[in-house]
Protein backbone atom coordinates (compact mmCIF):
# COMPACT_ATOMS: atom_id res chain seq x y z
CA MET A 1 -34.64 55.85 141.82
CA SER A 2 -33.45 58.20 139.30
CA ILE A 3 -31.05 58.73 136.82
CA ALA A 4 -29.86 61.27 138.90
CA VAL A 5 -29.45 59.86 141.71
CA VAL A 6 -26.98 57.29 140.47
CA LEU A 7 -24.94 59.83 138.68
CA ASP A 8 -24.94 61.61 142.53
CA ALA A 9 -23.90 58.25 143.34
CA MET A 10 -20.86 57.93 141.58
CA LYS A 11 -20.37 61.29 141.30
CA LYS A 12 -18.73 60.65 144.60
CA LEU A 13 -15.27 58.40 142.26
CA GLU A 14 -15.28 61.38 139.82
CA GLY A 15 -14.60 63.20 142.73
CA MET A 16 -10.95 61.62 143.77
CA PRO A 17 -8.35 62.73 142.21
CA GLU A 18 -6.97 59.04 141.01
CA VAL A 19 -10.17 58.16 139.53
CA GLU A 20 -10.26 58.87 135.79
CA LEU A 21 -13.49 58.14 134.49
CA CYS A 22 -16.65 55.55 136.06
CA MET A 23 -19.08 54.03 134.44
CA LEU A 24 -22.05 51.69 135.24
CA THR A 25 -22.85 49.34 132.44
CA ARG A 26 -25.33 46.35 131.72
CA LYS A 27 -23.37 43.00 131.37
CA ASN A 28 -24.78 43.69 127.76
CA GLY A 29 -22.13 46.82 127.31
CA ASP A 30 -25.36 49.03 127.18
CA ILE A 31 -23.82 52.39 129.51
CA VAL A 32 -26.49 53.22 132.21
CA ALA A 33 -24.59 55.81 133.13
CA SER A 34 -20.73 57.60 132.91
CA VAL A 35 -18.58 59.76 135.21
CA GLY A 36 -15.64 61.79 134.45
CA ASN A 37 -13.14 62.76 131.27
CA VAL A 38 -14.30 60.90 128.90
CA GLY A 39 -13.91 63.56 126.03
CA SER A 40 -11.10 61.26 124.11
CA LEU A 41 -12.96 57.71 125.19
CA SER A 42 -15.79 55.89 123.03
CA LEU A 43 -17.66 54.63 125.77
CA GLU A 44 -19.72 52.29 123.39
CA THR A 45 -16.72 50.05 122.35
CA PHE A 46 -14.94 50.85 126.25
CA GLY A 47 -18.40 49.11 128.09
CA ILE A 48 -18.83 46.37 125.14
CA MET A 49 -15.29 45.32 125.77
CA ALA A 50 -15.24 46.28 129.93
CA ALA A 51 -18.56 43.89 129.51
CA THR A 52 -16.71 41.42 127.26
CA ILE A 53 -14.34 40.98 130.03
CA TYR A 54 -16.26 40.01 132.33
CA GLY A 55 -18.17 37.62 130.55
CA ALA A 56 -14.76 36.16 129.78
CA ALA A 57 -13.84 35.60 133.67
CA ASN A 58 -17.03 33.95 134.24
CA THR A 59 -17.21 31.81 131.66
CA ALA A 60 -13.08 31.11 133.36
CA ASN A 61 -14.69 30.87 136.27
CA GLU A 62 -17.77 28.36 135.20
CA HIS A 63 -15.44 26.18 134.05
CA LEU A 64 -13.55 25.59 136.56
CA LYS A 65 -16.49 24.83 139.21
CA LYS A 66 -15.72 28.22 140.79
CA GLN A 67 -18.71 31.44 141.73
CA LYS A 68 -18.75 35.03 139.96
CA PRO A 69 -15.86 37.32 139.44
CA ASN A 70 -16.71 40.11 141.98
CA ARG A 71 -14.14 42.77 141.00
CA ILE A 72 -11.73 41.83 138.06
CA VAL A 73 -8.76 44.61 138.20
CA MET A 74 -6.30 45.57 135.22
CA ARG A 75 -2.83 47.26 136.48
CA SER A 76 -0.65 49.45 133.96
CA ASN A 77 2.04 51.10 134.68
CA ASP A 78 -0.47 54.39 134.73
CA GLY A 79 -3.22 53.47 136.13
CA ASP A 80 -5.60 51.03 136.19
CA THR A 81 -9.14 49.37 135.18
CA VAL A 82 -11.50 47.68 137.90
CA ILE A 83 -15.32 46.20 136.59
CA LYS A 84 -17.48 45.48 140.04
CA LYS A 85 -19.92 43.41 139.62
CA MET A 86 -23.11 44.90 140.89
CA ASP A 87 -26.19 42.53 140.08
CA SER A 88 -26.85 40.37 137.13
CA GLN A 89 -26.91 42.22 135.32
CA HIS A 90 -24.64 45.51 135.49
CA ILE A 91 -20.88 45.94 136.03
CA MET A 92 -19.85 49.30 137.61
CA VAL A 93 -16.01 50.30 135.48
CA LEU A 94 -13.51 52.47 136.54
CA ARG A 95 -10.51 53.60 135.39
CA THR A 96 -7.88 54.92 137.23
CA HIS A 97 -4.99 57.40 136.63
CA THR A 98 -2.24 56.65 139.59
CA ARG A 99 -2.29 53.69 141.65
CA GLU A 100 -2.31 56.11 145.10
CA ASN A 101 -4.68 55.68 147.67
CA PHE A 102 -5.40 52.60 145.89
CA ALA A 103 -7.01 50.35 148.51
CA GLU A 104 -9.09 53.62 149.57
CA VAL A 105 -10.75 53.76 145.57
CA LEU A 106 -11.85 50.24 146.09
CA ALA A 107 -13.42 50.53 149.19
CA THR A 108 -15.43 54.00 148.10
CA MET A 109 -15.93 51.79 144.85
CA ASP A 110 -17.54 49.30 146.55
CA GLU A 111 -19.41 51.55 148.43
CA THR A 112 -21.27 53.19 145.64
CA VAL A 113 -22.36 50.25 144.56
CA ASP A 114 -23.46 48.63 148.12
CA PHE A 115 -25.89 52.07 147.70
CA LEU A 116 -26.98 51.39 144.53
CA LEU A 117 -28.66 47.80 145.60
CA GLU A 118 -29.79 48.98 148.42
CA ASN A 119 -32.17 51.91 146.35
CA TRP A 120 -32.38 49.89 142.69
CA GLU A 121 -36.10 48.82 143.08
CA GLY A 122 -38.03 51.31 141.25
CA VAL A 123 -35.39 53.15 139.57
CA VAL A 124 -36.44 55.08 136.52
CA TRP A 125 -34.78 55.38 133.92
């Protein structure tokens, strides 16, 4: 799989009117791919913050003797940020600007992550 295939899979999320941006990052915050309205955003900073939030939630769950979080949702009045675990080294981060069709957005995000995981072998970066 090439980066073009990763971006193509993420374009389904980008095409949803509720989704502002979507990115795939490593758990250290390094960005693998991004789509959407990222013009006014420092992707590097956003990726590092998302990775930090995921890491903090993971540490909290470890202390509580719970499993790693699969999804973290941060709600605000002007949309939501969703961080979804992909594999042991990657997370997908999505930002919406509305809560309309939120369940559909989550389902599409899950489908995208599942597709990427099924085709992850042999990724060419």
